[in-house]
Structures are given as structure tokens and as C-alpha cells.
Amino acid sequence: MVLTVCICTYNRADDLKETLKSIKGVAKKDEIELLIIDNNSNDGTDDICNSFASDFTFFRYCKELKQGLSHARNRGLNEASGDWILYLDDDIQVEANTIAECLDTIKNSRYEVFGGKDNPWFKYPRPEWFLESWIKNSLSYDKDTVLGKNEHLIGCVFCIKKSVCQELGGFNTSLGMIEKKIGYGEETDIQNRAKALGVDCVYTPSIVVKHLVPEYKFKIKWLLESGFVLGRDIVKTKKINNETLSVLKYATIASVQLLVHIISFTPMILIQQMHYKTWFVKVFRKPIKWFSMSYSIVTK
């Protein structure tokens, strides 16, 4: 078996159904192994999975009792029959050529870690004040590109050679989502460790998925909280040599950025060229990330 498509899921039965429908519509019945790792869902996820079992020659459904996305991904690593694992999120839709492009990349390249891009899927109406740039993760390259030290593939469409993932020890279980708690960094961490071993991480923009933007991401609370958590988890994945200097550096960046944002964006709201919610997020979200990085070093 060449490729295992691994989907880790937790209480997203309706979204998962859409994901599986999209894969069923484009993948040949026997060209992939489809592996579902259920991380203790209680919303009928098992019934949804069982309803698709006959659509794939190689289909498996497993329960992972240790809570957390990284635990689920590591279970997928242990269970996968394929030489390669394509990790997909449980709220994406594949495009017509997503699986074919992934298989073609495996066959015709020497990459050991690669990933594609996601386009926002606005299933729910997007508020007028909400900017697409706040949830768009993809890099801007238009051809296959080896990523630099501070560039990383996204996790919702992430492919890795199984032997490489095993050599790296899998995903760091202290990082990533746990139940519905926001968490980041597990994909960044494993890519950093791969690069340290001389393994290239390659962005392949021909591999595309649509990624659901759920309604809760349209809330200011989530946008600010996600900025804080991102800063916290960046610190978890960074090697910091001088903590005192780093605390001062990040706090200074946050303060200056906040002041610049207030000066830059306030006139736009005063002349009614910007919604007050847009203003609030643009002013505070990025500084919160830097303040969080400073705070996380002090409190770790």
C-alpha cells in the first residue's frame, strides 16, 4: 500500500460526513487506505464512519482513548498500512485532483515531507467585518518550494513518509488541539525536527483542499484567544537561548505594534471606512500574540 489517508476526528460527525463524501467522489476505491482515528467522539461519528466503510476497499476505523490531536495522529502513524500518510482534517473537502496529485508527488519526486494549500470554505455566511486573511494559512508560492527555517506546511493537508515520521518519534503530545481547546504547534514542531535532520519540507500548491470556516471563528473572542494560544505554542516550539532578552524583545514588539495599529487604524473607523469589530481585531490580535510569547517565557 502506497498511501494511507488518515483523518483524526473529535465530535464533528456532520463535518466528517462531508469530508468523506468528497474523498469518495474522487478517490478510486482501491488506490488508498482510508483510516479514521476517532478521538473519543460521542456524537455518532462511529455510525457515520461505518456508513462509508463499503465505499473503500481498504477502510479502517479506530478509537484512540488518549485525548488530543497529537495522540490521535500518533495512533494513525502506528495503524497506517501505507508507506506514506496523508493527514487530512475532519472539516475539509478535497478537490477533484487532491488525491491524484498527492500520489503523483509521491511517485515522481524525492520529497519525504510535503503539503498543500487550503482555501477557505465559507459554508456559513461570513460577517461583513470578518477578513479572510485572518484564517487563510497558505503560503504564496506558485510552484513546489522547499521551505525555509521559519516557513511551515499547514496541518490540514500534510503528507509525510511513514518511516520518516517514525524516525522523528511522531507528534509531540504536549502540543495541538485537546478536545475543543485551541492548540497549535504540533505540525510546526515535527517539521522543525525533520529539518534538523536534513529532511526538506516542500510546499506543493497543486495539492488543494477546501477548509471549513466554522461559525465560532466569526467571534472576536475566538480571534483574540487564538492569537494568544498561537504565541504560547510558538514559545513551546522555539529554542530560546536568552530568556530575559527574549521577554524584553517580544514585549517591546507587542507594545510598538499596538501603538502603530492604533495610530494606523483609528482614523479609518472615525471616517467610517472600517467596522468597529474589524478595527478591534486588527488593533489587538497580533500584539496579543507577541505579549503571549513574552508572558509564556516568564510563566513556563
Protein backbone atom coordinates (compact mmCIF):
# COMPACT_ATOMS: atom_id res chain seq x y z
CA MET A 1 0.00 0.00 0.00
CA VAL A 2 1.42 3.36 -1.05
CA LEU A 3 -0.79 5.89 0.72
CA THR A 4 -2.86 5.95 3.88
CA VAL A 5 -5.24 8.88 4.15
CA CYS A 6 -5.58 9.45 7.89
CA ILE A 7 -8.37 11.60 9.33
CA CYS A 8 -8.33 12.27 13.06
CA THR A 9 -11.69 13.41 14.39
CA TYR A 10 -13.44 14.51 17.55
CA ASN A 11 -17.18 15.27 17.72
CA ARG A 12 -17.52 16.62 14.19
CA ALA A 13 -19.76 13.93 12.73
CA ASP A 14 -21.59 16.24 10.32
CA ASP A 15 -18.38 17.84 9.05
CA LEU A 16 -16.67 14.45 8.78
CA LYS A 17 -19.54 13.19 6.65
CA GLU A 18 -18.88 15.99 4.15
CA THR A 19 -15.16 15.19 4.17
CA LEU A 20 -15.73 11.50 3.49
CA LYS A 21 -18.23 12.29 0.73
CA SER A 22 -15.65 14.42 -1.03
CA ILE A 23 -12.99 11.69 -0.81
CA LYS A 24 -15.44 9.05 -2.01
CA GLY A 25 -16.21 11.21 -5.02
CA VAL A 26 -12.62 11.46 -6.27
CA ALA A 27 -10.57 8.52 -4.98
CA LYS A 28 -10.51 5.17 -6.74
CA LYS A 29 -11.92 2.52 -4.46
CA ASP A 30 -8.68 0.56 -4.07
CA GLU A 31 -5.93 3.18 -4.54
CA ILE A 32 -5.70 4.36 -0.92
CA GLU A 33 -6.21 3.12 2.61
CA LEU A 34 -8.70 5.33 4.44
CA LEU A 35 -8.00 5.36 8.17
CA ILE A 36 -10.29 7.16 10.63
CA ILE A 37 -8.98 7.79 14.14
CA ASP A 38 -11.87 8.67 16.46
CA ASN A 39 -10.56 10.54 19.50
CA ASN A 40 -13.46 9.65 21.86
CA SER A 41 -16.35 11.20 19.94
CA ASN A 42 -19.86 10.80 21.36
CA ASP A 43 -21.90 12.35 18.54
CA GLY A 44 -22.48 9.39 16.24
CA THR A 45 -19.12 9.60 14.48
CA ASP A 46 -18.87 5.79 14.53
CA ASP A 47 -22.16 5.45 12.63
CA ILE A 48 -21.03 7.98 10.01
CA CYS A 49 -17.77 6.08 9.50
CA ASN A 50 -19.48 2.70 9.25
CA SER A 51 -21.80 4.07 6.57
CA PHE A 52 -18.78 4.73 4.32
CA ALA A 53 -16.87 1.50 5.01
CA SER A 54 -18.13 -0.30 1.91
CA ASP A 55 -17.09 2.57 -0.38
CA PHE A 56 -13.38 1.80 0.06
CA THR A 57 -11.53 -1.49 -0.37
CA PHE A 58 -9.13 -0.57 2.41
CA PHE A 59 -11.04 1.16 5.21
CA ARG A 60 -10.38 1.10 8.93
CA TYR A 61 -11.93 2.85 11.91
CA CYS A 62 -10.04 3.03 15.23
CA LYS A 63 -10.75 4.59 18.61
CA GLU A 64 -7.90 6.46 20.33
CA LEU A 65 -8.66 6.83 24.04
CA LYS A 66 -5.81 9.23 24.87
CA GLN A 67 -7.33 12.65 24.33
CA GLY A 68 -5.61 15.07 21.99
CA LEU A 69 -4.98 15.52 18.28
CA SER A 70 -1.31 14.53 18.57
CA HIS A 71 -2.25 11.28 20.32
CA ALA A 72 -4.72 10.59 17.51
CA ARG A 73 -2.14 11.35 14.84
CA ASN A 74 0.39 9.06 16.50
CA ARG A 75 -2.23 6.31 16.61
CA GLY A 76 -2.67 6.87 12.88
CA LEU A 77 1.08 6.52 12.45
CA ASN A 78 1.03 3.18 14.28
CA GLU A 79 -2.03 1.85 12.42
CA ALA A 80 -1.26 3.01 8.87
CA SER A 81 -0.52 0.32 6.28
CA GLY A 82 0.76 2.77 3.68
CA ASP A 83 4.36 3.80 3.12
CA TRP A 84 3.09 7.38 3.21
CA ILE A 85 0.50 9.09 5.40
CA LEU A 86 -1.62 11.99 4.21
CA TYR A 87 -3.11 13.66 7.28
CA LEU A 88 -6.35 15.46 6.49
CA ASP A 89 -8.52 17.44 8.90
CA ASP A 90 -12.06 16.27 9.55
CA ASP A 91 -13.60 19.51 8.26
CA ILE A 92 -12.08 19.74 4.78
CA GLN A 93 -13.25 18.88 1.30
CA VAL A 94 -10.77 17.50 -1.21
CA GLU A 95 -10.71 18.87 -4.74
CA ALA A 96 -11.11 16.63 -7.81
CA ASN A 97 -7.35 16.08 -8.14
CA THR A 98 -6.19 16.27 -4.49
CA ILE A 99 -5.56 12.55 -4.01
CA ALA A 100 -4.20 12.09 -7.54
CA GLU A 101 -1.76 14.99 -7.09
CA CYS A 102 -0.58 13.55 -3.80
CA LEU A 103 0.03 10.12 -5.33
CA ASP A 104 1.76 11.72 -8.31
CA THR A 105 4.05 13.71 -6.00
CA ILE A 106 4.98 10.53 -4.14
CA LYS A 107 5.69 8.69 -7.38
CA ASN A 108 7.62 11.38 -9.24
CA SER A 109 9.53 13.29 -6.56
CA ARG A 110 12.08 12.62 -3.86
CA TYR A 111 10.20 14.60 -1.19
CA GLU A 112 9.76 12.97 2.20
CA VAL A 113 7.56 15.66 3.76
CA PHE A 114 5.21 17.81 1.71
CA GLY A 115 1.88 19.54 1.93
CA GLY A 116 -0.54 21.67 0.01
CA LYS A 117 -2.75 24.69 0.46
CA ASP A 118 -6.22 25.28 1.83
CA ASN A 119 -8.85 27.63 0.51
CA PRO A 120 -11.46 28.90 2.98
CA TRP A 121 -14.80 27.12 2.74
CA PHE A 122 -17.48 29.57 3.86
CA LYS A 123 -20.34 27.16 4.45
CA TYR A 124 -21.83 29.72 6.84
CA PRO A 125 -22.40 33.38 5.93
CA ARG A 126 -19.28 35.45 6.54
CA PRO A 127 -19.91 38.65 8.54
CA GLU A 128 -19.06 41.81 6.62
CA TRP A 129 -16.43 42.79 9.18
CA PHE A 130 -14.59 39.45 9.05
CA LEU A 131 -11.43 39.42 6.92
CA GLU A 132 -10.48 36.28 5.00
CA SER A 133 -6.81 36.93 5.74
CA TRP A 134 -7.44 36.09 9.41
CA ILE A 135 -7.99 32.42 8.61
CA LYS A 136 -6.02 31.92 5.39
CA ASN A 137 -2.92 29.84 6.12
CA SER A 138 -1.44 29.01 2.74
CA LEU A 139 1.93 30.20 1.50
CA SER A 140 2.18 32.39 -1.60
CA TYR A 141 4.45 30.23 -3.78
CA ASP A 142 3.01 29.09 -7.12
CA LYS A 143 5.33 26.09 -7.61
CA ASP A 144 6.90 23.35 -5.49
CA THR A 145 9.17 25.08 -2.97
CA VAL A 146 11.49 23.85 -0.24
CA LEU A 147 10.53 25.83 2.84
CA GLY A 148 12.94 27.87 4.90
CA LYS A 149 13.58 27.70 8.62
CA ASN A 150 10.63 29.88 9.59
CA GLU A 151 8.18 28.59 6.97
CA HIS A 152 5.89 25.67 7.68
CA LEU A 153 3.31 23.48 5.99
CA ILE A 154 -0.25 23.56 7.29
CA GLY A 155 -1.61 20.56 9.13
CA CYS A 156 -4.95 20.09 7.39
CA VAL A 157 -3.28 18.61 4.27
CA PHE A 158 0.07 17.25 5.41
CA CYS A 159 1.87 14.26 3.88
CA ILE A 160 4.86 12.51 5.40
CA LYS A 161 6.75 9.30 4.66
CA LYS A 162 5.84 6.85 7.39
CA SER A 163 9.44 5.82 8.07
CA VAL A 164 10.46 9.46 8.50
CA CYS A 165 7.59 10.12 10.91
CA GLN A 166 8.61 7.05 12.90
CA GLU A 167 12.24 8.15 12.98
CA LEU A 168 11.10 11.52 14.34
CA GLY A 169 9.11 9.83 17.09
CA GLY A 170 5.75 11.04 15.85
CA PHE A 171 3.93 14.16 17.01
CA ASN A 172 4.62 15.95 20.29
CA THR A 173 1.65 15.11 22.52
CA SER A 174 2.04 18.28 24.59
CA LEU A 175 1.05 20.32 21.52
CA GLY A 176 -2.09 20.60 19.41
CA MET A 177 -5.83 20.55 20.00
CA ILE A 178 -7.24 18.70 23.00
CA GLU A 179 -11.00 18.18 22.69
CA LYS A 180 -12.29 21.65 21.74
CA LYS A 181 -9.43 23.57 23.36
CA ILE A 182 -7.42 25.65 20.90
CA GLY A 183 -3.92 24.34 20.39
CA TYR A 184 -1.23 24.75 17.75
CA GLY A 185 2.34 23.80 17.05
CA GLU A 186 2.41 20.02 16.58
CA GLU A 187 2.91 20.29 12.81
CA THR A 188 5.47 23.07 13.23
CA ASP A 189 7.37 21.02 15.80
CA ILE A 190 7.62 17.87 13.69
CA GLN A 191 8.73 19.91 10.67
CA ASN A 192 11.40 21.65 12.75
CA ARG A 193 12.71 18.27 13.86
CA ALA A 194 12.64 16.98 10.28
CA LYS A 195 14.62 19.99 9.05
CA ALA A 196 17.16 19.47 11.85
CA LEU A 197 17.82 16.01 10.37
CA GLY A 198 18.26 17.46 6.89
CA VAL A 199 14.81 16.48 5.61
CA ASP A 200 13.26 19.07 3.30
CA CYS A 201 9.67 20.16 3.88
CA VAL A 202 8.18 21.02 0.50
CA TYR A 203 5.15 23.17 -0.26
CA THR A 204 3.22 21.73 -3.21
CA PRO A 205 0.49 24.21 -4.24
CA SER A 206 -1.06 21.77 -6.72
CA ILE A 207 -2.48 19.83 -3.75
CA VAL A 208 -5.55 21.78 -2.64
CA VAL A 209 -8.37 21.32 -0.14
CA LYS A 210 -11.27 23.48 0.96
CA HIS A 211 -11.18 24.09 4.71
CA LEU A 212 -14.36 24.83 6.63
CA VAL A 213 -14.58 28.14 8.48
CA PRO A 214 -16.93 27.27 11.36
CA GLU A 215 -19.24 29.86 12.85
CA TYR A 216 -17.33 30.09 16.14
CA LYS A 217 -14.37 31.58 14.26
CA PHE A 218 -16.55 34.59 13.43
CA LYS A 219 -16.39 35.68 17.07
CA ILE A 220 -13.93 38.29 18.34
CA LYS A 221 -13.29 36.17 21.44
CA TRP A 222 -12.02 33.27 19.32
CA LEU A 223 -9.87 35.51 17.11
CA LEU A 224 -8.12 37.06 20.11
CA GLU A 225 -7.84 33.80 22.05
CA SER A 226 -6.35 32.04 19.02
CA GLY A 227 -3.74 34.82 18.78
CA PHE A 228 -2.80 34.28 22.43
CA VAL A 229 -2.61 30.49 22.07
CA LEU A 230 -0.53 30.82 18.90
CA GLY A 231 2.01 32.93 20.79
CA ARG A 232 2.08 30.43 23.66
CA ASP A 233 2.63 27.47 21.34
CA ILE A 234 5.30 29.27 19.29
CA VAL A 235 7.32 29.53 22.51
CA LYS A 236 6.83 25.79 23.09
CA THR A 237 8.36 25.01 19.70
CA LYS A 238 11.24 27.53 19.78
CA LYS A 239 14.73 27.12 21.20
CA ILE A 240 15.22 30.24 23.32
CA ASN A 241 18.81 30.89 24.36
CA ASN A 242 18.39 34.10 26.35
CA GLU A 243 15.03 34.20 28.13
CA THR A 244 15.42 37.67 29.65
CA LEU A 245 16.34 39.23 26.32
CA SER A 246 13.52 37.38 24.58
CA VAL A 247 10.93 38.57 27.12
CA LEU A 248 12.01 42.18 26.60
CA LYS A 249 12.16 41.76 22.82
CA TYR A 250 8.67 40.27 22.47
CA ALA A 251 7.11 42.73 24.93
CA THR A 252 8.68 45.64 23.03
CA ILE A 253 7.45 44.33 19.68
CA ALA A 254 3.94 43.94 21.14
CA SER A 255 3.91 47.46 22.57
CA VAL A 256 5.20 49.12 19.44
CA GLN A 257 2.87 47.10 17.23
CA LEU A 258 -0.12 48.02 19.37
CA LEU A 259 0.72 51.72 19.19
CA VAL A 260 1.27 51.58 15.43
CA HIS A 261 -2.03 49.76 14.93
CA ILE A 262 -3.98 52.29 17.00
CA ILE A 263 -2.46 55.17 15.06
CA SER A 264 -2.94 53.47 11.69
CA PHE A 265 -6.46 52.07 12.03
CA THR A 266 -8.28 54.53 14.28
CA PRO A 267 -8.71 57.21 11.57
CA MET A 268 -10.37 54.59 9.37
CA ILE A 269 -13.05 53.85 11.95
CA LEU A 270 -13.59 57.56 12.64
CA ILE A 271 -14.40 58.21 8.99
CA GLN A 272 -16.50 55.02 8.88
CA GLN A 273 -14.26 53.17 6.43
CA MET A 274 -13.80 50.27 8.85
CA HIS A 275 -16.24 48.32 11.01
CA TYR A 276 -15.53 48.67 14.73
CA LYS A 277 -15.13 44.86 15.06
CA THR A 278 -12.60 44.82 12.23
CA TRP A 279 -10.74 47.65 13.97
CA PHE A 280 -10.71 45.80 17.28
CA VAL A 281 -9.26 42.60 15.83
CA LYS A 282 -6.72 44.38 13.61
CA VAL A 283 -5.51 46.51 16.53
CA PHE A 284 -5.20 43.79 19.16
CA ARG A 285 -4.78 40.33 17.60
CA LYS A 286 -1.14 40.45 16.51
CA PRO A 287 0.11 42.34 19.61
CA ILE A 288 -1.65 39.74 21.77
CA LYS A 289 0.44 37.03 20.07
CA TRP A 290 3.68 38.86 20.95
CA PHE A 291 2.53 39.62 24.52
CA SER A 292 1.65 35.94 24.88
CA MET A 293 5.13 34.91 23.76
CA SER A 294 6.68 37.18 26.38
CA TYR A 295 4.24 36.02 29.08
CA SER A 296 4.72 32.34 28.23
CA ILE A 297 8.50 32.58 28.70
CA VAL A 298 8.03 34.20 32.12
CA THR A 299 5.47 31.64 33.32
CA LYS A 300 6.81 28.40 31.84
